[in-house]
């Protein structure tokens, strides 16, 4: 039995992050996750901690046959945002199992409820910028969706959020953009601000007025987002490890592929 605590704490001139999660980990016949009644936290925070633990166990593969009890959750109303407790819980499990620093790359969260809560935190905020990582080869790059690897959304007064596609699942994580890098004979990856005519560049400076989560019916995972900035509605989704990007997509086409789950209380229309 091993006890580990992870404290997530970072502060800049524009935003803060804070969450602390403690877990007790022991061998088990299969993965078991429990949040202790004395762990503290609001119901949504306890659920986020549970999902973070399950995400960490998933990355451990065969080593994920563990019993994990979340014994303590600490957050603040001002400095803790959606995703902070999830990450702290995942890293606490990795620390307890010896998975850190090997597993430094936190995969992010794709639970539709968490993604919807993340969107609600950003409704009404201005999109200050978008950073993109794109693959180039022989001095050229493919189309908007074809060359895109990752995108980071920079909302006012919020830390940057990376969008990462994994098969049919869209994952969100709070992380700074990485640097451009060379891939030798395979080309290079260039990281920088989104530029016209690419889709996300067109809405920089606009406020997010409505949003919805696109849920993959077969898995129940978040597969994409519908984002409305002013008069433009953007579809950002992943399908078979490929990005799907569209402006003002036809609603029947979207509804035929995904379940639309609004981030707010009323219907998305």
C-alpha atoms as a PDB file:
ATOM      1  CA  UNK A   1       0.000   0.000   0.000  1.00  0.00           C
ATOM      2  CA  UNK A   2       1.399   3.379  -1.066  1.00  0.00           C
ATOM      3  CA  UNK A   3       0.224   6.896  -0.286  1.00  0.00           C
ATOM      4  CA  UNK A   4       1.085   9.789  -2.590  1.00  0.00           C
ATOM      5  CA  UNK A   5       0.080  13.426  -2.892  1.00  0.00           C
ATOM      6  CA  UNK A   6       0.356  15.651  -5.929  1.00  0.00           C
ATOM      7  CA  UNK A   7       0.126  19.420  -5.574  1.00  0.00           C
ATOM      8  CA  UNK A   8      -0.598  21.340  -8.758  1.00  0.00           C
ATOM      9  CA  UNK A   9       0.260  25.002  -8.290  1.00  0.00           C
ATOM     10  CA  UNK A  10       1.177  27.578 -10.889  1.00  0.00           C
ATOM     11  CA  UNK A  11       0.655  31.326 -11.064  1.00  0.00           C
ATOM     12  CA  UNK A  12       1.265  33.875 -13.804  1.00  0.00           C
ATOM     13  CA  UNK A  13       0.287  37.523 -14.183  1.00  0.00           C
ATOM     14  CA  UNK A  14      -2.917  36.431 -15.967  1.00  0.00           C
ATOM     15  CA  UNK A  15      -4.085  33.194 -14.334  1.00  0.00           C
ATOM     16  CA  UNK A  16      -3.581  30.705 -11.498  1.00  0.00           C
ATOM     17  CA  UNK A  17      -3.877  26.937 -11.123  1.00  0.00           C
ATOM     18  CA  UNK A  18      -4.246  25.013  -7.896  1.00  0.00           C
ATOM     19  CA  UNK A  19      -5.329  21.525  -6.844  1.00  0.00           C
ATOM     20  CA  UNK A  20      -4.012  18.946  -4.387  1.00  0.00           C
ATOM     21  CA  UNK A  21      -5.038  15.290  -4.403  1.00  0.00           C
ATOM     22  CA  UNK A  22      -3.895  12.452  -2.136  1.00  0.00           C
ATOM     23  CA  UNK A  23      -4.398   8.788  -3.041  1.00  0.00           C
ATOM     24  CA  UNK A  24      -3.755   5.434  -1.405  1.00  0.00           C
ATOM     25  CA  UNK A  25      -2.857   2.690  -3.897  1.00  0.00           C
ATOM     26  CA  UNK A  26      -2.761  -1.068  -3.313  1.00  0.00           C
ATOM     27  CA  UNK A  27      -2.682  -4.167  -5.568  1.00  0.00           C
ATOM     28  CA  UNK A  28      -6.043  -5.593  -6.621  1.00  0.00           C
ATOM     29  CA  UNK A  29      -7.505  -8.173  -8.994  1.00  0.00           C
ATOM     30  CA  UNK A  30      -8.962  -5.385 -11.134  1.00  0.00           C
ATOM     31  CA  UNK A  31      -9.087  -1.606 -11.169  1.00  0.00           C
ATOM     32  CA  UNK A  32     -11.073  -0.228  -8.240  1.00  0.00           C
ATOM     33  CA  UNK A  33     -11.568   3.489  -7.613  1.00  0.00           C
ATOM     34  CA  UNK A  34     -13.158   5.001  -4.524  1.00  0.00           C
ATOM     35  CA  UNK A  35     -13.399   8.543  -3.242  1.00  0.00           C
ATOM     36  CA  UNK A  36     -13.410   8.484   0.530  1.00  0.00           C
ATOM     37  CA  UNK A  37     -16.397  10.169   2.248  1.00  0.00           C
ATOM     38  CA  UNK A  38     -13.860  12.213   4.229  1.00  0.00           C
ATOM     39  CA  UNK A  39     -11.850  13.334   1.172  1.00  0.00           C
ATOM     40  CA  UNK A  40     -13.679  16.644   1.004  1.00  0.00           C
ATOM     41  CA  UNK A  41     -14.508  18.539  -2.152  1.00  0.00           C
ATOM     42  CA  UNK A  42     -17.790  19.337  -3.853  1.00  0.00           C
ATOM     43  CA  UNK A  43     -19.584  16.496  -5.699  1.00  0.00           C
ATOM     44  CA  UNK A  44     -18.272  17.740  -9.071  1.00  0.00           C
ATOM     45  CA  UNK A  45     -14.729  17.886  -7.675  1.00  0.00           C
ATOM     46  CA  UNK A  46     -15.003  14.368  -6.290  1.00  0.00           C
ATOM     47  CA  UNK A  47     -16.209  13.130  -9.664  1.00  0.00           C
ATOM     48  CA  UNK A  48     -13.317  14.903 -11.385  1.00  0.00           C
ATOM     49  CA  UNK A  49     -10.829  13.251  -9.028  1.00  0.00           C
ATOM     50  CA  UNK A  50     -12.328   9.832  -9.763  1.00  0.00           C
ATOM     51  CA  UNK A  51     -12.069  10.403 -13.519  1.00  0.00           C
ATOM     52  CA  UNK A  52      -8.458  11.537 -13.137  1.00  0.00           C
ATOM     53  CA  UNK A  53      -7.584   8.343 -11.274  1.00  0.00           C
ATOM     54  CA  UNK A  54      -9.264   6.203 -13.934  1.00  0.00           C
ATOM     55  CA  UNK A  55      -7.385   8.048 -16.684  1.00  0.00           C
ATOM     56  CA  UNK A  56      -4.076   7.294 -14.943  1.00  0.00           C
ATOM     57  CA  UNK A  57      -4.964   3.616 -14.479  1.00  0.00           C
ATOM     58  CA  UNK A  58      -5.785   3.392 -18.192  1.00  0.00           C
ATOM     59  CA  UNK A  59      -2.280   4.557 -19.089  1.00  0.00           C
ATOM     60  CA  UNK A  60      -0.726   1.906 -16.854  1.00  0.00           C
ATOM     61  CA  UNK A  61      -2.120  -0.926 -18.990  1.00  0.00           C
ATOM     62  CA  UNK A  62      -1.664  -4.275 -17.243  1.00  0.00           C
ATOM     63  CA  UNK A  63      -0.319  -2.469 -14.195  1.00  0.00           C
ATOM     64  CA  UNK A  64      -3.692  -0.751 -13.825  1.00  0.00           C
ATOM     65  CA  UNK A  65      -5.010  -3.617 -11.658  1.00  0.00           C
ATOM     66  CA  UNK A  66      -4.946  -1.489  -8.540  1.00  0.00           C
ATOM     67  CA  UNK A  67      -7.257  -0.364  -5.780  1.00  0.00           C
ATOM     68  CA  UNK A  68      -7.104   3.428  -5.485  1.00  0.00           C
ATOM     69  CA  UNK A  69      -8.760   5.431  -2.750  1.00  0.00           C
ATOM     70  CA  UNK A  70      -8.799   9.219  -3.023  1.00  0.00           C
ATOM     71  CA  UNK A  71      -8.361  10.384   0.566  1.00  0.00           C
ATOM     72  CA  UNK A  72      -7.985  14.141   0.205  1.00  0.00           C
ATOM     73  CA  UNK A  73      -9.038  16.805  -2.318  1.00  0.00           C
ATOM     74  CA  UNK A  74      -8.080  20.441  -1.908  1.00  0.00           C
ATOM     75  CA  UNK A  75      -9.196  23.252  -4.211  1.00  0.00           C
ATOM     76  CA  UNK A  76     -10.120  26.924  -4.076  1.00  0.00           C
ATOM     77  CA  UNK A  77     -13.032  28.795  -5.603  1.00  0.00           C
ATOM     78  CA  UNK A  78     -10.676  31.297  -7.256  1.00  0.00           C
ATOM     79  CA  UNK A  79      -7.595  29.356  -8.383  1.00  0.00           C
ATOM     80  CA  UNK A  80      -9.002  25.922  -9.297  1.00  0.00           C
ATOM     81  CA  UNK A  81     -10.453  25.435 -12.771  1.00  0.00           C
ATOM     82  CA  UNK A  82     -11.978  22.461 -14.564  1.00  0.00           C
ATOM     83  CA  UNK A  83      -9.247  19.920 -15.269  1.00  0.00           C
ATOM     84  CA  UNK A  84      -6.938  20.867 -12.392  1.00  0.00           C
ATOM     85  CA  UNK A  85      -8.228  18.206  -9.985  1.00  0.00           C
ATOM     86  CA  UNK A  86      -8.317  15.651 -12.816  1.00  0.00           C
ATOM     87  CA  UNK A  87      -4.638  16.232 -13.564  1.00  0.00           C
ATOM     88  CA  UNK A  88      -3.595  16.300  -9.900  1.00  0.00           C
ATOM     89  CA  UNK A  89      -5.393  12.980  -9.295  1.00  0.00           C
ATOM     90  CA  UNK A  90      -3.781  11.345 -12.332  1.00  0.00           C
ATOM     91  CA  UNK A  91      -0.316  12.507 -11.328  1.00  0.00           C
ATOM     92  CA  UNK A  92      -0.842  11.373  -7.736  1.00  0.00           C
ATOM     93  CA  UNK A  93      -1.538   7.846  -9.024  1.00  0.00           C
ATOM     94  CA  UNK A  94       1.531   7.910 -11.270  1.00  0.00           C
ATOM     95  CA  UNK A  95       3.639   9.091  -8.343  1.00  0.00           C
ATOM     96  CA  UNK A  96       2.317   6.286  -6.137  1.00  0.00           C
ATOM     97  CA  UNK A  97       3.054   3.650  -8.784  1.00  0.00           C
ATOM     98  CA  UNK A  98       6.436   4.982  -9.864  1.00  0.00           C
ATOM     99  CA  UNK A  99       4.992   6.313 -13.113  1.00  0.00           C
ATOM    100  CA  UNK A 100       6.595   9.732 -12.659  1.00  0.00           C
ATOM    101  CA  UNK A 101       8.715  11.212 -14.061  1.00  0.00           C
ATOM    102  CA  UNK A 102       8.310   8.653 -16.865  1.00  0.00           C
ATOM    103  CA  UNK A 103       4.720   9.721 -17.551  1.00  0.00           C
ATOM    104  CA  UNK A 104       5.188  13.475 -17.677  1.00  0.00           C
ATOM    105  CA  UNK A 105       2.800  13.879 -20.590  1.00  0.00           C
ATOM    106  CA  UNK A 106      -0.603  14.214 -18.981  1.00  0.00           C
ATOM    107  CA  UNK A 107      -3.086  13.031 -21.654  1.00  0.00           C
ATOM    108  CA  UNK A 108      -5.956  15.323 -20.671  1.00  0.00           C
ATOM    109  CA  UNK A 109      -9.666  14.730 -20.154  1.00  0.00           C
ATOM    110  CA  UNK A 110     -12.428  13.791 -22.584  1.00  0.00           C
ATOM    111  CA  UNK A 111     -15.405  13.135 -20.331  1.00  0.00           C
ATOM    112  CA  UNK A 112     -18.331  15.082 -21.855  1.00  0.00           C
ATOM    113  CA  UNK A 113     -19.457  16.477 -18.495  1.00  0.00           C
ATOM    114  CA  UNK A 114     -15.991  17.812 -17.736  1.00  0.00           C
ATOM    115  CA  UNK A 115     -15.610  19.251 -21.221  1.00  0.00           C
ATOM    116  CA  UNK A 116     -19.014  20.955 -20.924  1.00  0.00           C
ATOM    117  CA  UNK A 117     -17.962  22.441 -17.575  1.00  0.00           C
ATOM    118  CA  UNK A 118     -14.716  23.651 -19.184  1.00  0.00           C
ATOM    119  CA  UNK A 119     -16.735  25.358 -21.911  1.00  0.00           C
ATOM    120  CA  UNK A 120     -19.066  27.001 -19.379  1.00  0.00           C
ATOM    121  CA  UNK A 121     -16.046  28.580 -17.691  1.00  0.00           C
ATOM    122  CA  UNK A 122     -15.179  30.233 -21.013  1.00  0.00           C
ATOM    123  CA  UNK A 123     -18.588  31.420 -22.225  1.00  0.00           C
ATOM    124  CA  UNK A 124     -18.425  35.175 -22.684  1.00  0.00           C
ATOM    125  CA  UNK A 125     -14.614  35.261 -22.720  1.00  0.00           C
ATOM    126  CA  UNK A 126     -12.536  36.613 -25.587  1.00  0.00           C
ATOM    127  CA  UNK A 127     -10.301  34.228 -27.516  1.00  0.00           C
ATOM    128  CA  UNK A 128      -7.010  36.127 -27.290  1.00  0.00           C
ATOM    129  CA  UNK A 129      -5.092  33.763 -29.537  1.00  0.00           C
ATOM    130  CA  UNK A 130      -4.671  30.318 -31.059  1.00  0.00           C
ATOM    131  CA  UNK A 131      -1.382  28.450 -31.344  1.00  0.00           C
ATOM    132  CA  UNK A 132      -1.066  25.569 -33.791  1.00  0.00           C
ATOM    133  CA  UNK A 133       1.444  22.782 -34.364  1.00  0.00           C
ATOM    134  CA  UNK A 134       1.569  21.769 -38.028  1.00  0.00           C
ATOM    135  CA  UNK A 135       3.499  19.229 -40.045  1.00  0.00           C
ATOM    136  CA  UNK A 136       5.559  20.575 -42.948  1.00  0.00           C
ATOM    137  CA  UNK A 137       7.415  18.568 -45.557  1.00  0.00           C
ATOM    138  CA  UNK A 138       9.829  19.902 -48.151  1.00  0.00           C
ATOM    139  CA  UNK A 139       8.798  23.461 -47.336  1.00  0.00           C
ATOM    140  CA  UNK A 140       5.097  22.790 -47.786  1.00  0.00           C
ATOM    141  CA  UNK A 141       2.181  21.835 -45.557  1.00  0.00           C
ATOM    142  CA  UNK A 142      -1.138  20.167 -46.215  1.00  0.00           C
ATOM    143  CA  UNK A 143      -4.606  21.626 -45.840  1.00  0.00           C
ATOM    144  CA  UNK A 144      -5.970  23.087 -42.628  1.00  0.00           C
ATOM    145  CA  UNK A 145      -7.172  19.792 -41.143  1.00  0.00           C
ATOM    146  CA  UNK A 146      -4.552  17.556 -42.805  1.00  0.00           C
ATOM    147  CA  UNK A 147      -1.480  19.348 -41.467  1.00  0.00           C
ATOM    148  CA  UNK A 148      -2.789  20.160 -37.988  1.00  0.00           C
ATOM    149  CA  UNK A 149      -1.297  18.173 -35.100  1.00  0.00           C
ATOM    150  CA  UNK A 150      -2.337  20.126 -32.006  1.00  0.00           C
ATOM    151  CA  UNK A 151      -4.035  23.432 -31.252  1.00  0.00           C
ATOM    152  CA  UNK A 152      -3.937  25.597 -28.136  1.00  0.00           C
ATOM    153  CA  UNK A 153      -6.780  27.971 -27.289  1.00  0.00           C
ATOM    154  CA  UNK A 154      -5.807  31.073 -25.311  1.00  0.00           C
ATOM    155  CA  UNK A 155      -8.899  32.547 -23.657  1.00  0.00           C
ATOM    156  CA  UNK A 156      -8.651  35.785 -21.685  1.00  0.00           C
ATOM    157  CA  UNK A 157      -7.687  35.198 -18.034  1.00  0.00           C
ATOM    158  CA  UNK A 158      -7.427  31.431 -18.546  1.00  0.00           C
ATOM    159  CA  UNK A 159      -4.385  29.186 -19.050  1.00  0.00           C
ATOM    160  CA  UNK A 160      -3.782  27.757 -22.534  1.00  0.00           C
ATOM    161  CA  UNK A 161      -5.718  24.593 -23.368  1.00  0.00           C
ATOM    162  CA  UNK A 162      -4.330  22.027 -25.771  1.00  0.00           C
ATOM    163  CA  UNK A 163      -6.709  20.136 -28.063  1.00  0.00           C
ATOM    164  CA  UNK A 164      -5.452  16.653 -28.840  1.00  0.00           C
ATOM    165  CA  UNK A 165      -7.214  14.079 -30.994  1.00  0.00           C
ATOM    166  CA  UNK A 166      -6.924  10.378 -30.160  1.00  0.00           C
ATOM    167  CA  UNK A 167      -8.885   8.240 -32.591  1.00  0.00           C
ATOM    168  CA  UNK A 168     -12.518   9.394 -32.029  1.00  0.00           C
ATOM    169  CA  UNK A 169     -11.757  11.055 -28.699  1.00  0.00           C
ATOM    170  CA  UNK A 170     -10.941  14.729 -28.196  1.00  0.00           C
ATOM    171  CA  UNK A 171      -8.768  15.373 -25.138  1.00  0.00           C
ATOM    172  CA  UNK A 172      -8.234  18.720 -23.416  1.00  0.00           C
ATOM    173  CA  UNK A 173      -5.256  19.549 -21.225  1.00  0.00           C
ATOM    174  CA  UNK A 174      -3.836  22.681 -19.663  1.00  0.00           C
ATOM    175  CA  UNK A 175      -0.330  23.053 -21.025  1.00  0.00           C
ATOM    176  CA  UNK A 176       1.905  25.552 -22.794  1.00  0.00           C
ATOM    177  CA  UNK A 177       2.644  25.061 -26.506  1.00  0.00           C
ATOM    178  CA  UNK A 178       5.793  23.082 -27.170  1.00  0.00           C
ATOM    179  CA  UNK A 179       8.599  24.255 -29.451  1.00  0.00           C
ATOM    180  CA  UNK A 180       8.986  23.577 -33.157  1.00  0.00           C
ATOM    181  CA  UNK A 181      11.136  20.552 -33.932  1.00  0.00           C
ATOM    182  CA  UNK A 182      12.864  18.862 -36.843  1.00  0.00           C
ATOM    183  CA  UNK A 183      11.879  15.372 -38.024  1.00  0.00           C
ATOM    184  CA  UNK A 184      14.862  14.852 -40.357  1.00  0.00           C
ATOM    185  CA  UNK A 185      13.750  13.150 -43.590  1.00  0.00           C
ATOM    186  CA  UNK A 186      10.113  13.250 -42.404  1.00  0.00           C
ATOM    187  CA  UNK A 187       9.951  17.043 -42.439  1.00  0.00           C
ATOM    188  CA  UNK A 188       9.425  19.286 -39.455  1.00  0.00           C
ATOM    189  CA  UNK A 189       6.765  20.459 -37.030  1.00  0.00           C
ATOM    190  CA  UNK A 190       6.247  24.211 -36.846  1.00  0.00           C
ATOM    191  CA  UNK A 191       4.512  25.766 -33.865  1.00  0.00           C
ATOM    192  CA  UNK A 192       3.145  29.296 -34.023  1.00  0.00           C
ATOM    193  CA  UNK A 193       0.073  31.520 -34.142  1.00  0.00           C
ATOM    194  CA  UNK A 194      -2.827  30.412 -36.314  1.00  0.00           C
ATOM    195  CA  UNK A 195      -2.851  32.363 -39.577  1.00  0.00           C
ATOM    196  CA  UNK A 196      -5.553  33.005 -42.198  1.00  0.00           C
ATOM    197  CA  UNK A 197      -7.131  31.333 -44.052  1.00  0.00           C
ATOM    198  CA  UNK A 198      -7.025  28.539 -41.461  1.00  0.00           C
ATOM    199  CA  UNK A 199     -10.267  28.048 -39.552  1.00  0.00           C
ATOM    200  CA  UNK A 200      -9.272  28.950 -36.006  1.00  0.00           C
ATOM    201  CA  UNK A 201      -7.422  32.097 -37.039  1.00  0.00           C
ATOM    202  CA  UNK A 202     -10.679  33.708 -38.141  1.00  0.00           C
ATOM    203  CA  UNK A 203     -12.153  33.937 -34.635  1.00  0.00           C
ATOM    204  CA  UNK A 204      -9.189  35.297 -32.683  1.00  0.00           C
ATOM    205  CA  UNK A 205     -10.341  38.409 -30.830  1.00  0.00           C
ATOM    206  CA  UNK A 206     -13.984  37.256 -30.705  1.00  0.00           C
ATOM    207  CA  UNK A 207     -15.956  36.149 -27.637  1.00  0.00           C
ATOM    208  CA  UNK A 208     -17.316  32.646 -27.170  1.00  0.00           C
ATOM    209  CA  UNK A 209     -21.093  33.099 -27.067  1.00  0.00           C
ATOM    210  CA  UNK A 210     -22.381  29.504 -27.311  1.00  0.00           C
ATOM    211  CA  UNK A 211     -20.816  26.069 -27.176  1.00  0.00           C
ATOM    212  CA  UNK A 212     -21.644  22.375 -27.234  1.00  0.00           C
ATOM    213  CA  UNK A 213     -19.875  19.056 -26.799  1.00  0.00           C
ATOM    214  CA  UNK A 214     -20.050  16.494 -29.602  1.00  0.00           C
ATOM    215  CA  UNK A 215     -20.374  13.026 -28.072  1.00  0.00           C
ATOM    216  CA  UNK A 216     -19.355   9.849 -29.875  1.00  0.00           C
ATOM    217  CA  UNK A 217     -22.354   7.550 -29.542  1.00  0.00           C
ATOM    218  CA  UNK A 218     -20.423   4.278 -29.461  1.00  0.00           C
ATOM    219  CA  UNK A 219     -17.988   5.272 -26.710  1.00  0.00           C
ATOM    220  CA  UNK A 220     -19.661   8.160 -24.879  1.00  0.00           C
ATOM    221  CA  UNK A 221     -16.447  10.169 -25.167  1.00  0.00           C
ATOM    222  CA  UNK A 222     -16.147  13.780 -26.247  1.00  0.00           C
ATOM    223  CA  UNK A 223     -15.301  13.689 -29.934  1.00  0.00           C
ATOM    224  CA  UNK A 224     -15.461  17.388 -30.757  1.00  0.00           C
ATOM    225  CA  UNK A 225     -16.736  20.873 -30.039  1.00  0.00           C
ATOM    226  CA  UNK A 226     -19.200  23.291 -31.574  1.00  0.00           C
ATOM    227  CA  UNK A 227     -18.027  26.828 -30.845  1.00  0.00           C
ATOM    228  CA  UNK A 228     -19.872  30.010 -31.742  1.00  0.00           C
ATOM    229  CA  UNK A 229     -17.854  33.220 -31.904  1.00  0.00           C
ATOM    230  CA  UNK A 230     -19.990  36.159 -32.981  1.00  0.00           C
ATOM    231  CA  UNK A 231     -21.626  35.159 -36.253  1.00  0.00           C
ATOM    232  CA  UNK A 232     -19.395  32.149 -36.918  1.00  0.00           C
ATOM    233  CA  UNK A 233     -19.963  28.597 -35.734  1.00  0.00           C
ATOM    234  CA  UNK A 234     -16.939  26.314 -35.792  1.00  0.00           C
ATOM    235  CA  UNK A 235     -16.806  22.539 -35.741  1.00  0.00           C
ATOM    236  CA  UNK A 236     -13.595  21.128 -34.261  1.00  0.00           C
ATOM    237  CA  UNK A 237     -13.591  17.337 -33.970  1.00  0.00           C
ATOM    238  CA  UNK A 238     -11.482  14.230 -34.380  1.00  0.00           C
ATOM    239  CA  UNK A 239     -12.390  11.182 -36.423  1.00  0.00           C
ATOM    240  CA  UNK A 240     -10.076   8.213 -36.868  1.00  0.00           C
ATOM    241  CA  UNK A 241      -7.051  10.239 -35.691  1.00  0.00           C
ATOM    242  CA  UNK A 242      -7.822  12.908 -38.302  1.00  0.00           C
ATOM    243  CA  UNK A 243      -9.019  16.431 -37.570  1.00  0.00           C
ATOM    244  CA  UNK A 244     -12.424  17.541 -38.828  1.00  0.00           C
ATOM    245  CA  UNK A 245     -12.676  21.324 -39.140  1.00  0.00           C
ATOM    246  CA  UNK A 246     -15.600  23.257 -40.588  1.00  0.00           C
ATOM    247  CA  UNK A 247     -17.220  26.669 -40.437  1.00  0.00           C
ATOM    248  CA  UNK A 248     -21.029  26.823 -40.140  1.00  0.00           C
ATOM    249  CA  UNK A 249     -21.484  23.057 -40.604  1.00  0.00           C
ATOM    250  CA  UNK A 250     -24.896  21.771 -41.711  1.00  0.00           C
ATOM    251  CA  UNK A 251     -26.812  20.729 -38.591  1.00  0.00           C
ATOM    252  CA  UNK A 252     -28.218  17.463 -40.105  1.00  0.00           C
ATOM    253  CA  UNK A 253     -24.667  16.402 -40.971  1.00  0.00           C
ATOM    254  CA  UNK A 254     -23.470  17.037 -37.421  1.00  0.00           C
ATOM    255  CA  UNK A 255     -26.468  15.322 -35.808  1.00  0.00           C
ATOM    256  CA  UNK A 256     -26.037  12.275 -38.047  1.00  0.00           C
ATOM    257  CA  UNK A 257     -22.508  11.756 -36.712  1.00  0.00           C
ATOM    258  CA  UNK A 258     -22.598  12.949 -33.095  1.00  0.00           C
ATOM    259  CA  UNK A 259     -24.894  13.654 -30.178  1.00  0.00           C
ATOM    260  CA  UNK A 260     -24.894  17.389 -29.460  1.00  0.00           C
ATOM    261  CA  UNK A 261     -24.688  18.179 -25.754  1.00  0.00           C
ATOM    262  CA  UNK A 262     -25.013  21.927 -24.978  1.00  0.00           C
ATOM    263  CA  UNK A 263     -22.594  23.423 -22.473  1.00  0.00           C
ATOM    264  CA  UNK A 264     -25.387  25.632 -21.090  1.00  0.00           C
ATOM    265  CA  UNK A 265     -28.865  24.887 -19.776  1.00  0.00           C
ATOM    266  CA  UNK A 266     -30.882  25.702 -22.905  1.00  0.00           C
ATOM    267  CA  UNK A 267     -30.693  23.876 -26.220  1.00  0.00           C
ATOM    268  CA  UNK A 268     -27.913  24.701 -28.642  1.00  0.00           C
ATOM    269  CA  UNK A 269     -29.490  26.236 -31.755  1.00  0.00           C
END
